[in-house]
Amino acid sequence: MNIQYYGDFCFKLTTKPAGRATEEVVVWTDLPEKSTGIRSPFGHADVVLLSYLNPTDDVLSGLKDEPEILYTPGEYSVKGVTILGYPSFRDGVGGVEKGQNTVFVFDSEEMRFVYLGGIGHPPDDGLIEKIGDVDVLFIPIGGEGIISQKKADEIIRDIEPKIVIPMHYQMEGTTIQAETPESFCRETGRNFNDELGKLNFKKKDLDGKSMEVTFLKRT
């Protein structure tokens, strides 16, 4: 599994669900909107997970090869990757203020990944039970009308993933008005380590890890 971060809610995951020496599958998450100051990425895509964006938005224009666009709750299978979408909200009042959000859970290379998208409330016990054992959790930590840093920490402890990859936080060269990684670490009592350019790992590399927070540099 290879994971790269493009800023805000956008990740590129390159995986081989059928194992080594098989075809790669490229998964993208919520491509950055123009208002963030981040250029929307270009390149091949097999699957795009949109937790809250409209699939007709021009942010998709840079992706090639007619990817499968998933933007609603449901059960999907794309090129060997099993994907489940669960309903949630972008605020803490049932979507009245900011609308709906989809939490995506997907399995590949014998690992489970959970992408919370722009969730604005802690997942309830029912959703946490459906999510099950999580290897990698993508979670927003910057606040700005999404979940607070304290709530993000509570969600991490409730889900207990092996690795946590933060997203949606303040970074240089963008217009995102949110908290910083350093403030998240101070708030939650964690150490802020150097950001990685990208993350490459296999299932065996996660042995012994518990709620390990890993920040990625923006590509």
N, C-alpha and C. Protein backbone atom coordinates (compact mmCIF):
# COMPACT_ATOMS: atom_id res chain seq x y z
N MET A 1 0.84 -1.19 0.00
CA MET A 1 0.00 0.00 0.00
C MET A 1 0.88 1.25 0.00
N ASN A 2 0.56 2.17 -0.88
CA ASN A 2 1.27 3.45 -0.93
C ASN A 2 0.24 4.55 -0.75
N ILE A 3 0.52 5.49 0.17
CA ILE A 3 -0.40 6.59 0.45
C ILE A 3 0.33 7.91 0.30
N GLN A 4 -0.24 8.82 -0.49
CA GLN A 4 0.29 10.17 -0.65
C GLN A 4 -0.81 11.17 -0.29
N TYR A 5 -0.39 12.32 0.24
CA TYR A 5 -1.33 13.34 0.70
C TYR A 5 -1.22 14.57 -0.19
N TYR A 6 -2.38 15.05 -0.66
CA TYR A 6 -2.42 16.21 -1.54
C TYR A 6 -3.01 17.44 -0.85
N GLY A 7 -3.29 17.34 0.44
CA GLY A 7 -3.83 18.47 1.19
C GLY A 7 -5.32 18.37 1.42
N ASP A 8 -5.79 19.05 2.45
CA ASP A 8 -7.19 19.06 2.87
C ASP A 8 -7.69 17.63 3.10
N PHE A 9 -8.64 17.15 2.29
CA PHE A 9 -9.17 15.80 2.47
C PHE A 9 -8.67 14.83 1.40
N CYS A 10 -7.69 15.24 0.63
CA CYS A 10 -7.32 14.49 -0.58
C CYS A 10 -6.11 13.58 -0.38
N PHE A 11 -6.34 12.28 -0.59
CA PHE A 11 -5.27 11.28 -0.56
C PHE A 11 -5.31 10.47 -1.85
N LYS A 12 -4.15 9.97 -2.23
CA LYS A 12 -4.04 9.00 -3.32
C LYS A 12 -3.50 7.71 -2.73
N LEU A 13 -4.26 6.64 -2.88
CA LEU A 13 -3.85 5.34 -2.37
C LEU A 13 -3.64 4.41 -3.55
N THR A 14 -2.47 3.81 -3.62
CA THR A 14 -2.15 2.86 -4.68
C THR A 14 -1.96 1.50 -4.04
N THR A 15 -2.81 0.56 -4.47
CA THR A 15 -2.83 -0.74 -3.79
C THR A 15 -2.90 -1.88 -4.80
N LYS A 16 -2.51 -3.06 -4.36
CA LYS A 16 -2.62 -4.28 -5.16
C LYS A 16 -3.46 -5.27 -4.38
N PRO A 17 -4.79 -5.14 -4.50
CA PRO A 17 -5.67 -5.99 -3.68
C PRO A 17 -5.52 -7.48 -3.95
N ALA A 18 -5.05 -7.84 -5.14
CA ALA A 18 -4.88 -9.25 -5.47
C ALA A 18 -3.48 -9.78 -5.16
N GLY A 19 -2.64 -8.93 -4.58
CA GLY A 19 -1.31 -9.36 -4.19
C GLY A 19 -0.23 -8.89 -5.14
N ARG A 20 1.00 -9.25 -4.84
CA ARG A 20 2.15 -8.84 -5.64
C ARG A 20 2.04 -9.34 -7.07
N ALA A 21 2.68 -8.59 -7.97
CA ALA A 21 2.72 -8.94 -9.40
C ALA A 21 1.35 -8.92 -10.04
N THR A 22 0.42 -8.17 -9.45
CA THR A 22 -0.91 -8.01 -10.03
C THR A 22 -1.16 -6.52 -10.31
N GLU A 23 -2.27 -6.25 -10.92
CA GLU A 23 -2.58 -4.88 -11.33
C GLU A 23 -2.80 -3.96 -10.14
N GLU A 24 -2.25 -2.75 -10.25
CA GLU A 24 -2.47 -1.74 -9.21
C GLU A 24 -3.85 -1.11 -9.37
N VAL A 25 -4.42 -0.73 -8.23
CA VAL A 25 -5.68 0.00 -8.20
C VAL A 25 -5.42 1.33 -7.50
N VAL A 26 -5.83 2.44 -8.13
CA VAL A 26 -5.59 3.77 -7.57
C VAL A 26 -6.91 4.36 -7.04
N VAL A 27 -6.90 4.68 -5.76
CA VAL A 27 -8.07 5.24 -5.09
C VAL A 27 -7.76 6.67 -4.67
N TRP A 28 -8.64 7.60 -5.01
CA TRP A 28 -8.52 9.00 -4.56
C TRP A 28 -9.66 9.32 -3.60
N THR A 29 -9.38 10.24 -2.66
CA THR A 29 -10.44 10.73 -1.77
C THR A 29 -10.62 12.23 -2.00
N ASP A 30 -11.81 12.73 -1.64
CA ASP A 30 -12.22 14.12 -1.79
C ASP A 30 -11.16 15.06 -2.38
N LEU A 31 -11.26 15.31 -3.65
CA LEU A 31 -10.30 16.19 -4.32
C LEU A 31 -10.48 17.63 -3.85
N PRO A 32 -9.39 18.40 -3.74
CA PRO A 32 -9.48 19.74 -3.16
C PRO A 32 -10.29 20.70 -4.03
N GLU A 33 -11.14 21.49 -3.38
CA GLU A 33 -11.90 22.53 -4.08
C GLU A 33 -11.00 23.74 -4.32
N LYS A 34 -11.35 24.54 -5.34
CA LYS A 34 -10.55 25.71 -5.68
C LYS A 34 -10.41 26.67 -4.51
N SER A 35 -11.45 26.74 -3.67
CA SER A 35 -11.44 27.68 -2.55
C SER A 35 -10.35 27.38 -1.52
N THR A 36 -9.78 26.17 -1.56
CA THR A 36 -8.72 25.81 -0.60
C THR A 36 -7.36 26.35 -1.00
N GLY A 37 -7.23 26.79 -2.27
CA GLY A 37 -5.94 27.23 -2.76
C GLY A 37 -5.04 26.08 -3.17
N ILE A 38 -5.58 24.86 -3.20
CA ILE A 38 -4.81 23.68 -3.58
C ILE A 38 -5.21 23.26 -4.99
N ARG A 39 -4.23 23.05 -5.82
CA ARG A 39 -4.51 22.63 -7.19
C ARG A 39 -5.00 21.20 -7.22
N SER A 40 -6.10 20.96 -7.93
CA SER A 40 -6.64 19.61 -8.03
C SER A 40 -5.66 18.73 -8.80
N PRO A 41 -5.41 17.52 -8.33
CA PRO A 41 -4.39 16.67 -8.94
C PRO A 41 -4.81 16.12 -10.30
N PHE A 42 -3.80 15.68 -11.06
CA PHE A 42 -3.99 15.07 -12.36
C PHE A 42 -3.48 13.63 -12.29
N GLY A 43 -4.05 12.77 -13.10
CA GLY A 43 -3.51 11.42 -13.19
C GLY A 43 -4.58 10.35 -13.26
N HIS A 44 -4.10 9.12 -13.31
CA HIS A 44 -4.98 7.96 -13.42
C HIS A 44 -5.77 7.75 -12.13
N ALA A 45 -6.98 7.27 -12.27
CA ALA A 45 -7.82 6.94 -11.11
C ALA A 45 -8.71 5.76 -11.46
N ASP A 46 -8.84 4.82 -10.53
CA ASP A 46 -9.79 3.73 -10.67
C ASP A 46 -11.05 3.99 -9.85
N VAL A 47 -10.85 4.57 -8.66
CA VAL A 47 -11.97 4.85 -7.76
C VAL A 47 -11.77 6.22 -7.13
N VAL A 48 -12.87 6.96 -7.00
CA VAL A 48 -12.84 8.25 -6.29
C VAL A 48 -13.91 8.21 -5.21
N LEU A 49 -13.51 8.44 -3.96
CA LEU A 49 -14.44 8.46 -2.83
C LEU A 49 -14.73 9.90 -2.46
N LEU A 50 -15.97 10.31 -2.63
CA LEU A 50 -16.39 11.67 -2.30
C LEU A 50 -17.31 11.62 -1.09
N SER A 51 -16.82 12.06 0.04
CA SER A 51 -17.62 12.00 1.26
C SER A 51 -18.70 13.07 1.30
N TYR A 52 -18.43 14.21 0.65
CA TYR A 52 -19.39 15.30 0.72
C TYR A 52 -19.47 16.14 -0.57
N LEU A 53 -18.52 15.97 -1.49
CA LEU A 53 -18.49 16.79 -2.71
C LEU A 53 -19.52 16.31 -3.72
N ASN A 54 -19.99 17.24 -4.54
CA ASN A 54 -20.87 16.91 -5.66
C ASN A 54 -20.04 16.26 -6.76
N PRO A 55 -20.44 15.09 -7.27
CA PRO A 55 -19.62 14.41 -8.28
C PRO A 55 -19.53 15.14 -9.61
N THR A 56 -20.32 16.17 -9.81
CA THR A 56 -20.24 16.92 -11.06
C THR A 56 -19.29 18.11 -10.96
N ASP A 57 -18.73 18.33 -9.79
CA ASP A 57 -17.83 19.46 -9.61
C ASP A 57 -16.60 19.34 -10.50
N ASP A 58 -16.05 20.49 -10.91
CA ASP A 58 -14.91 20.47 -11.83
C ASP A 58 -13.63 19.99 -11.17
N VAL A 59 -13.67 19.71 -9.86
CA VAL A 59 -12.47 19.16 -9.22
C VAL A 59 -12.09 17.80 -9.79
N LEU A 60 -13.02 17.13 -10.45
CA LEU A 60 -12.74 15.81 -11.01
C LEU A 60 -12.07 15.87 -12.38
N SER A 61 -11.96 17.05 -12.94
CA SER A 61 -11.54 17.19 -14.33
C SER A 61 -10.12 16.69 -14.60
N GLY A 62 -9.26 16.67 -13.59
CA GLY A 62 -7.88 16.25 -13.80
C GLY A 62 -7.66 14.75 -13.79
N LEU A 63 -8.68 13.98 -13.39
CA LEU A 63 -8.51 12.53 -13.30
C LEU A 63 -8.86 11.86 -14.62
N LYS A 64 -8.09 10.82 -14.93
CA LYS A 64 -8.21 10.16 -16.24
C LYS A 64 -8.82 8.76 -16.11
N ASP A 65 -9.20 8.24 -17.26
CA ASP A 65 -9.57 6.83 -17.43
C ASP A 65 -10.91 6.46 -16.82
N GLU A 66 -11.82 7.41 -16.73
CA GLU A 66 -13.20 7.16 -16.32
C GLU A 66 -13.30 6.33 -15.03
N PRO A 67 -12.85 6.88 -13.92
CA PRO A 67 -12.91 6.15 -12.65
C PRO A 67 -14.34 5.96 -12.16
N GLU A 68 -14.50 5.00 -11.26
CA GLU A 68 -15.77 4.80 -10.57
C GLU A 68 -15.88 5.88 -9.49
N ILE A 69 -16.96 6.67 -9.55
CA ILE A 69 -17.15 7.76 -8.58
C ILE A 69 -18.16 7.32 -7.55
N LEU A 70 -17.75 7.22 -6.29
CA LEU A 70 -18.64 6.80 -5.20
C LEU A 70 -18.90 7.98 -4.29
N TYR A 71 -20.16 8.33 -4.09
CA TYR A 71 -20.47 9.51 -3.29
C TYR A 71 -21.71 9.34 -2.42
N THR A 72 -22.24 8.14 -2.33
CA THR A 72 -23.40 7.87 -1.49
C THR A 72 -23.16 6.60 -0.68
N PRO A 73 -23.88 6.44 0.43
CA PRO A 73 -23.77 5.19 1.18
C PRO A 73 -24.17 3.99 0.33
N GLY A 74 -23.55 2.86 0.60
CA GLY A 74 -23.86 1.66 -0.14
C GLY A 74 -22.73 0.66 -0.06
N GLU A 75 -22.87 -0.44 -0.78
CA GLU A 75 -21.86 -1.50 -0.81
C GLU A 75 -21.34 -1.62 -2.24
N TYR A 76 -20.01 -1.58 -2.38
CA TYR A 76 -19.41 -1.56 -3.71
C TYR A 76 -18.22 -2.52 -3.77
N SER A 77 -17.89 -2.93 -4.98
CA SER A 77 -16.68 -3.70 -5.23
C SER A 77 -16.09 -3.22 -6.54
N VAL A 78 -14.88 -2.71 -6.49
CA VAL A 78 -14.23 -2.17 -7.69
C VAL A 78 -12.83 -2.77 -7.81
N LYS A 79 -12.63 -3.59 -8.83
CA LYS A 79 -11.32 -4.18 -9.12
C LYS A 79 -10.68 -4.85 -7.90
N GLY A 80 -11.50 -5.58 -7.16
CA GLY A 80 -10.99 -6.33 -6.03
C GLY A 80 -10.98 -5.58 -4.71
N VAL A 81 -11.37 -4.32 -4.72
CA VAL A 81 -11.44 -3.53 -3.48
C VAL A 81 -12.90 -3.47 -3.02
N THR A 82 -13.17 -4.00 -1.85
CA THR A 82 -14.51 -3.95 -1.27
C THR A 82 -14.68 -2.65 -0.50
N ILE A 83 -15.74 -1.92 -0.81
CA ILE A 83 -15.95 -0.59 -0.22
C ILE A 83 -17.36 -0.50 0.34
N LEU A 84 -17.47 -0.04 1.59
CA LEU A 84 -18.76 0.19 2.22
C LEU A 84 -18.88 1.67 2.57
N GLY A 85 -20.02 2.28 2.23
CA GLY A 85 -20.27 3.67 2.57
C GLY A 85 -21.39 3.78 3.59
N TYR A 86 -21.13 4.50 4.68
CA TYR A 86 -22.12 4.64 5.75
C TYR A 86 -22.54 6.10 5.89
N PRO A 87 -23.84 6.36 6.10
CA PRO A 87 -24.32 7.74 6.23
C PRO A 87 -23.88 8.40 7.52
N SER A 88 -23.56 9.67 7.42
CA SER A 88 -23.23 10.49 8.59
C SER A 88 -23.51 11.94 8.19
N PHE A 89 -23.04 12.90 9.01
CA PHE A 89 -23.34 14.31 8.74
C PHE A 89 -22.08 15.16 8.88
N ARG A 90 -22.10 16.32 8.24
CA ARG A 90 -20.97 17.24 8.30
C ARG A 90 -21.06 18.18 9.49
N ASP A 91 -22.08 18.03 10.30
CA ASP A 91 -22.24 18.86 11.49
C ASP A 91 -22.79 17.99 12.62
N GLY A 92 -23.02 18.61 13.77
CA GLY A 92 -23.51 17.86 14.93
C GLY A 92 -25.00 17.98 15.13
N VAL A 93 -25.72 18.47 14.09
CA VAL A 93 -27.17 18.66 14.22
C VAL A 93 -27.92 17.96 13.08
N GLY A 94 -27.50 16.75 12.79
CA GLY A 94 -28.21 15.95 11.81
C GLY A 94 -28.16 16.46 10.39
N GLY A 95 -27.14 17.22 10.06
CA GLY A 95 -26.98 17.71 8.70
C GLY A 95 -27.75 18.98 8.37
N VAL A 96 -28.41 19.56 9.36
CA VAL A 96 -29.22 20.76 9.13
C VAL A 96 -28.37 21.91 8.60
N GLU A 97 -27.17 22.07 9.15
CA GLU A 97 -26.32 23.20 8.78
C GLU A 97 -25.43 22.92 7.56
N LYS A 98 -24.85 21.73 7.49
CA LYS A 98 -23.84 21.47 6.45
C LYS A 98 -24.13 20.26 5.57
N GLY A 99 -25.20 19.55 5.86
CA GLY A 99 -25.56 18.44 5.00
C GLY A 99 -24.93 17.11 5.37
N GLN A 100 -25.05 16.18 4.44
CA GLN A 100 -24.64 14.81 4.70
C GLN A 100 -23.17 14.55 4.40
N ASN A 101 -22.68 13.48 4.97
CA ASN A 101 -21.31 13.02 4.78
C ASN A 101 -21.35 11.50 4.69
N THR A 102 -20.46 10.93 3.91
CA THR A 102 -20.37 9.47 3.82
C THR A 102 -19.04 9.01 4.38
N VAL A 103 -19.10 8.10 5.34
CA VAL A 103 -17.90 7.45 5.87
C VAL A 103 -17.63 6.22 5.02
N PHE A 104 -16.43 6.12 4.46
CA PHE A 104 -16.08 4.98 3.62
C PHE A 104 -15.15 4.02 4.36
N VAL A 105 -15.49 2.74 4.28
CA VAL A 105 -14.68 1.67 4.84
C VAL A 105 -14.29 0.76 3.69
N PHE A 106 -13.00 0.51 3.51
CA PHE A 106 -12.60 -0.35 2.40
C PHE A 106 -11.48 -1.29 2.82
N ASP A 107 -11.48 -2.45 2.19
CA ASP A 107 -10.51 -3.50 2.50
C ASP A 107 -9.63 -3.76 1.29
N SER A 108 -8.34 -3.86 1.54
CA SER A 108 -7.38 -4.21 0.50
C SER A 108 -6.10 -4.71 1.15
N GLU A 109 -5.46 -5.66 0.52
CA GLU A 109 -4.20 -6.23 1.01
C GLU A 109 -4.34 -6.74 2.45
N GLU A 110 -5.51 -7.30 2.76
CA GLU A 110 -5.80 -7.87 4.08
C GLU A 110 -5.76 -6.82 5.19
N MET A 111 -6.04 -5.57 4.82
CA MET A 111 -6.09 -4.47 5.79
C MET A 111 -7.40 -3.71 5.63
N ARG A 112 -7.83 -3.09 6.72
CA ARG A 112 -9.07 -2.29 6.68
C ARG A 112 -8.74 -0.81 6.88
N PHE A 113 -9.28 0.00 5.98
CA PHE A 113 -9.06 1.44 5.98
C PHE A 113 -10.40 2.15 6.21
N VAL A 114 -10.39 3.17 7.04
CA VAL A 114 -11.61 3.95 7.29
C VAL A 114 -11.31 5.41 6.99
N TYR A 115 -12.09 5.96 6.06
CA TYR A 115 -11.96 7.36 5.66
C TYR A 115 -13.21 8.09 6.15
N LEU A 116 -13.03 8.96 7.17
CA LEU A 116 -14.17 9.63 7.79
C LEU A 116 -14.67 10.83 7.00
N GLY A 117 -13.88 11.30 6.03
CA GLY A 117 -14.31 12.45 5.25
C GLY A 117 -14.53 13.68 6.10
N GLY A 118 -15.54 14.47 5.76
CA GLY A 118 -15.81 15.71 6.48
C GLY A 118 -16.78 15.55 7.63
N ILE A 119 -16.66 14.47 8.37
CA ILE A 119 -17.61 14.18 9.45
C ILE A 119 -17.58 15.28 10.51
N GLY A 120 -18.78 15.61 11.01
CA GLY A 120 -18.88 16.70 11.99
C GLY A 120 -19.36 16.26 13.35
N HIS A 121 -19.32 14.96 13.62
CA HIS A 121 -19.80 14.43 14.90
C HIS A 121 -19.12 13.09 15.16
N PRO A 122 -19.05 12.65 16.40
CA PRO A 122 -18.48 11.33 16.68
C PRO A 122 -19.38 10.23 16.11
N PRO A 123 -18.82 9.19 15.51
CA PRO A 123 -19.63 8.06 15.05
C PRO A 123 -20.34 7.41 16.24
N ASP A 124 -21.59 7.00 16.04
CA ASP A 124 -22.30 6.35 17.14
C ASP A 124 -21.81 4.91 17.31
N ASP A 125 -22.26 4.28 18.39
CA ASP A 125 -21.79 2.92 18.69
C ASP A 125 -22.11 1.94 17.57
N GLY A 126 -23.26 2.15 16.93
CA GLY A 126 -23.64 1.25 15.83
C GLY A 126 -22.67 1.32 14.68
N LEU A 127 -22.24 2.52 14.31
CA LEU A 127 -21.29 2.66 13.21
C LEU A 127 -19.92 2.13 13.60
N ILE A 128 -19.50 2.39 14.82
CA ILE A 128 -18.21 1.89 15.27
C ILE A 128 -18.18 0.36 15.24
N GLU A 129 -19.31 -0.26 15.59
CA GLU A 129 -19.40 -1.72 15.55
C GLU A 129 -19.32 -2.22 14.10
N LYS A 130 -19.98 -1.51 13.18
CA LYS A 130 -19.94 -1.91 11.77
C LYS A 130 -18.53 -1.74 11.20
N ILE A 131 -17.84 -0.69 11.63
CA ILE A 131 -16.48 -0.45 11.14
C ILE A 131 -15.56 -1.60 11.51
N GLY A 132 -15.69 -2.10 12.73
CA GLY A 132 -14.89 -3.24 13.16
C GLY A 132 -13.45 -2.87 13.47
N ASP A 133 -12.56 -3.84 13.30
CA ASP A 133 -11.14 -3.63 13.58
C ASP A 133 -10.50 -2.84 12.44
N VAL A 134 -9.86 -1.74 12.78
CA VAL A 134 -9.35 -0.81 11.78
C VAL A 134 -7.83 -0.80 11.79
N ASP A 135 -7.25 -0.89 10.61
CA ASP A 135 -5.80 -0.78 10.49
C ASP A 135 -5.37 0.67 10.31
N VAL A 136 -6.05 1.40 9.41
CA VAL A 136 -5.67 2.78 9.12
C VAL A 136 -6.91 3.66 9.14
N LEU A 137 -6.84 4.75 9.91
CA LEU A 137 -7.94 5.69 10.04
C LEU A 137 -7.51 7.05 9.50
N PHE A 138 -8.30 7.60 8.56
CA PHE A 138 -8.10 8.95 8.05
C PHE A 138 -9.12 9.85 8.75
N ILE A 139 -8.64 10.87 9.46
CA ILE A 139 -9.53 11.66 10.30
C ILE A 139 -9.18 13.15 10.24
N PRO A 140 -10.18 14.04 10.12
CA PRO A 140 -9.90 15.48 10.15
C PRO A 140 -9.56 15.94 11.57
N ILE A 141 -8.56 16.81 11.70
CA ILE A 141 -8.13 17.23 13.04
C ILE A 141 -8.08 18.75 13.19
N GLY A 142 -8.49 19.48 12.16
CA GLY A 142 -8.26 20.92 12.19
C GLY A 142 -9.39 21.77 12.73
N GLY A 143 -10.52 21.15 13.02
CA GLY A 143 -11.63 21.97 13.48
C GLY A 143 -12.31 22.69 12.33
N GLU A 144 -12.49 23.99 12.43
CA GLU A 144 -13.14 24.82 11.42
C GLU A 144 -14.51 24.25 11.05
N GLY A 145 -15.36 24.09 12.05
CA GLY A 145 -16.71 23.65 11.78
C GLY A 145 -16.86 22.16 11.57
N ILE A 146 -15.74 21.43 11.51
CA ILE A 146 -15.84 19.97 11.45
C ILE A 146 -15.74 19.49 12.90
N ILE A 147 -15.16 18.37 13.17
CA ILE A 147 -15.00 17.94 14.56
C ILE A 147 -13.84 18.70 15.21
N SER A 148 -13.95 18.95 16.50
CA SER A 148 -12.89 19.63 17.23
C SER A 148 -11.71 18.68 17.41
N GLN A 149 -10.57 19.25 17.79
CA GLN A 149 -9.40 18.41 18.02
C GLN A 149 -9.63 17.44 19.17
N LYS A 150 -10.33 17.88 20.18
CA LYS A 150 -10.63 17.01 21.33
C LYS A 150 -11.54 15.87 20.88
N LYS A 151 -12.55 16.19 20.06
CA LYS A 151 -13.46 15.15 19.58
C LYS A 151 -12.72 14.16 18.68
N ALA A 152 -11.80 14.70 17.86
CA ALA A 152 -11.01 13.82 17.00
C ALA A 152 -10.23 12.80 17.83
N ASP A 153 -9.66 13.27 18.92
CA ASP A 153 -8.90 12.38 19.80
C ASP A 153 -9.82 11.32 20.42
N GLU A 154 -11.02 11.71 20.80
CA GLU A 154 -11.98 10.77 21.38
C GLU A 154 -12.37 9.70 20.36
N ILE A 155 -12.56 10.13 19.10
CA ILE A 155 -12.91 9.18 18.05
C ILE A 155 -11.78 8.18 17.82
N ILE A 156 -10.56 8.67 17.81
CA ILE A 156 -9.39 7.78 17.65
C ILE A 156 -9.39 6.73 18.75
N ARG A 157 -9.65 7.15 19.97
CA ARG A 157 -9.62 6.21 21.10
C ARG A 157 -10.80 5.24 21.06
N ASP A 158 -11.92 5.67 20.51
CA ASP A 158 -13.07 4.78 20.38
C ASP A 158 -12.85 3.73 19.31
N ILE A 159 -12.25 4.13 18.19
CA ILE A 159 -12.05 3.21 17.07
C ILE A 159 -10.80 2.34 17.25
N GLU A 160 -9.76 2.90 17.89
CA GLU A 160 -8.52 2.19 18.18
C GLU A 160 -7.85 1.62 16.92
N PRO A 161 -7.58 2.45 15.93
CA PRO A 161 -6.88 1.95 14.74
C PRO A 161 -5.40 1.70 15.06
N LYS A 162 -4.73 1.01 14.17
CA LYS A 162 -3.29 0.81 14.35
C LYS A 162 -2.53 2.08 13.94
N ILE A 163 -2.95 2.69 12.84
CA ILE A 163 -2.33 3.92 12.37
C ILE A 163 -3.40 4.98 12.15
N VAL A 164 -3.07 6.22 12.54
CA VAL A 164 -3.95 7.37 12.32
C VAL A 164 -3.26 8.31 11.34
N ILE A 165 -3.95 8.68 10.27
CA ILE A 165 -3.42 9.65 9.31
C ILE A 165 -4.32 10.88 9.34
N PRO A 166 -3.85 11.98 9.93
CA PRO A 166 -4.67 13.19 10.02
C PRO A 166 -4.84 13.88 8.67
N MET A 167 -5.91 14.66 8.56
CA MET A 167 -6.19 15.45 7.36
C MET A 167 -6.95 16.70 7.75
N HIS A 168 -7.16 17.59 6.79
CA HIS A 168 -7.90 18.84 6.99
C HIS A 168 -7.35 19.63 8.18
N TYR A 169 -6.16 20.19 7.97
CA TYR A 169 -5.56 21.06 8.98
C TYR A 169 -4.80 22.17 8.26
N GLN A 170 -4.40 23.16 9.01
CA GLN A 170 -3.74 24.32 8.42
C GLN A 170 -2.37 23.94 7.87
N MET A 171 -2.08 24.43 6.65
CA MET A 171 -0.77 24.18 6.06
C MET A 171 -0.39 25.35 5.16
N GLU A 172 0.89 25.54 5.01
CA GLU A 172 1.40 26.66 4.24
C GLU A 172 0.95 26.57 2.78
N GLY A 173 0.61 27.73 2.21
CA GLY A 173 0.25 27.79 0.81
C GLY A 173 -1.20 27.47 0.50
N THR A 174 -2.04 27.37 1.53
CA THR A 174 -3.46 27.11 1.31
C THR A 174 -4.29 28.17 2.03
N THR A 175 -5.57 28.20 1.72
CA THR A 175 -6.48 29.14 2.37
C THR A 175 -7.28 28.47 3.48
N ILE A 176 -6.94 27.24 3.82
CA ILE A 176 -7.68 26.51 4.85
C ILE A 176 -7.49 27.17 6.19
N GLN A 177 -8.58 27.61 6.80
CA GLN A 177 -8.55 28.22 8.12
C GLN A 177 -8.88 27.15 9.15
N ALA A 178 -7.84 26.56 9.71
CA ALA A 178 -8.03 25.46 10.64
C ALA A 178 -6.87 25.43 11.62
N GLU A 179 -6.94 24.51 12.56
CA GLU A 179 -5.87 24.36 13.54
C GLU A 179 -4.67 23.66 12.90
N THR A 180 -3.53 23.72 13.58
CA THR A 180 -2.29 23.13 13.06
C THR A 180 -2.04 21.74 13.65
N PRO A 181 -1.19 20.95 13.00
CA PRO A 181 -0.82 19.65 13.58
C PRO A 181 -0.19 19.80 14.96
N GLU A 182 0.62 20.85 15.12
CA GLU A 182 1.27 21.06 16.42
C GLU A 182 0.25 21.28 17.53
N SER A 183 -0.80 22.06 17.23
CA SER A 183 -1.81 22.32 18.26
C SER A 183 -2.61 21.06 18.57
N PHE A 184 -2.84 20.22 17.56
CA PHE A 184 -3.51 18.94 17.81
C PHE A 184 -2.69 18.08 18.75
N CYS A 185 -1.39 18.02 18.51
CA CYS A 185 -0.52 17.20 19.35
C CYS A 185 -0.45 17.75 20.78
N ARG A 186 -0.41 19.07 20.92
CA ARG A 186 -0.42 19.66 22.27
C ARG A 186 -1.73 19.35 22.98
N GLU A 187 -2.83 19.48 22.26
CA GLU A 187 -4.15 19.26 22.83
C GLU A 187 -4.35 17.82 23.29
N THR A 188 -3.74 16.88 22.56
CA THR A 188 -3.97 15.47 22.83
C THR A 188 -2.80 14.77 23.51
N GLY A 189 -1.74 15.52 23.81
CA GLY A 189 -0.61 14.94 24.52
C GLY A 189 0.25 14.03 23.67
N ARG A 190 0.27 14.28 22.36
CA ARG A 190 1.08 13.46 21.47
C ARG A 190 2.33 14.23 21.03
N ASN A 191 3.32 13.50 20.57
CA ASN A 191 4.52 14.12 20.04
C ASN A 191 4.34 14.39 18.55
N PHE A 192 4.79 15.57 18.11
CA PHE A 192 4.73 15.88 16.69
C PHE A 192 6.05 15.50 16.05
N ASN A 193 6.02 14.49 15.19
CA ASN A 193 7.22 14.03 14.51
C ASN A 193 7.27 14.61 13.09
N ASP A 194 8.40 14.48 12.44
CA ASP A 194 8.55 14.98 11.08
C ASP A 194 7.53 14.32 10.16
N GLU A 195 7.01 15.10 9.22
CA GLU A 195 6.06 14.57 8.26
C GLU A 195 6.77 13.68 7.25
N LEU A 196 6.10 12.63 6.84
CA LEU A 196 6.65 11.72 5.84
C LEU A 196 6.20 12.17 4.45
N GLY A 197 7.06 11.98 3.45
CA GLY A 197 6.70 12.34 2.09
C GLY A 197 5.59 11.45 1.55
N LYS A 198 5.64 10.18 1.91
CA LYS A 198 4.60 9.23 1.55
C LYS A 198 4.73 8.04 2.50
N LEU A 199 3.74 7.19 2.46
CA LEU A 199 3.73 6.06 3.38
C LEU A 199 3.60 4.77 2.57
N ASN A 200 4.59 3.88 2.73
CA ASN A 200 4.58 2.56 2.08
C ASN A 200 4.60 1.50 3.16
N PHE A 201 3.67 0.55 3.10
CA PHE A 201 3.65 -0.47 4.14
C PHE A 201 2.85 -1.69 3.68
N LYS A 202 3.07 -2.78 4.40
CA LYS A 202 2.30 -4.01 4.23
C LYS A 202 1.66 -4.33 5.57
N LYS A 203 0.78 -5.31 5.57
CA LYS A 203 0.06 -5.67 6.79
C LYS A 203 1.01 -6.01 7.93
N LYS A 204 2.09 -6.74 7.62
CA LYS A 204 3.01 -7.16 8.67
C LYS A 204 3.70 -5.97 9.34
N ASP A 205 3.80 -4.84 8.62
CA ASP A 205 4.45 -3.65 9.17
C ASP A 205 3.63 -3.00 10.27
N LEU A 206 2.35 -3.38 10.39
CA LEU A 206 1.47 -2.78 11.40
C LEU A 206 1.45 -3.55 12.71
N ASP A 207 2.14 -4.67 12.74
CA ASP A 207 2.16 -5.48 13.97
C ASP A 207 2.69 -4.66 15.15
N GLY A 208 1.95 -4.70 16.23
CA GLY A 208 2.38 -4.01 17.45
C GLY A 208 2.03 -2.54 17.52
N LYS A 209 1.48 -1.98 16.44
CA LYS A 209 1.14 -0.56 16.43
C LYS A 209 -0.26 -0.35 17.02
N SER A 210 -0.41 0.77 17.71
CA SER A 210 -1.71 1.11 18.29
C SER A 210 -1.88 2.63 18.31
N MET A 211 -2.82 3.13 17.51
CA MET A 211 -3.16 4.56 17.47
C MET A 211 -1.94 5.44 17.21
N GLU A 212 -1.05 4.96 16.34
CA GLU A 212 0.16 5.70 15.99
C GLU A 212 -0.18 6.79 14.97
N VAL A 213 0.04 8.05 15.33
CA VAL A 213 -0.31 9.17 14.47
C VAL A 213 0.83 9.45 13.50
N THR A 214 0.52 9.47 12.20
CA THR A 214 1.51 9.71 11.17
C THR A 214 1.04 10.86 10.26
N PHE A 215 1.79 11.95 10.26
CA PHE A 215 1.48 13.09 9.38
C PHE A 215 2.22 12.93 8.06
N LEU A 216 1.54 13.26 6.96
CA LEU A 216 2.16 13.18 5.65
C LEU A 216 2.32 14.57 5.07
N LYS A 217 3.44 14.80 4.38
CA LYS A 217 3.65 16.06 3.69
C LYS A 217 2.72 16.16 2.49
N ARG A 218 2.35 17.37 2.14
CA ARG A 218 1.52 17.57 0.95
C ARG A 218 2.37 17.37 -0.30
N THR A 219 1.92 16.50 -1.17
CA THR A 219 2.64 16.23 -2.42
C THR A 219 2.58 17.41 -3.38
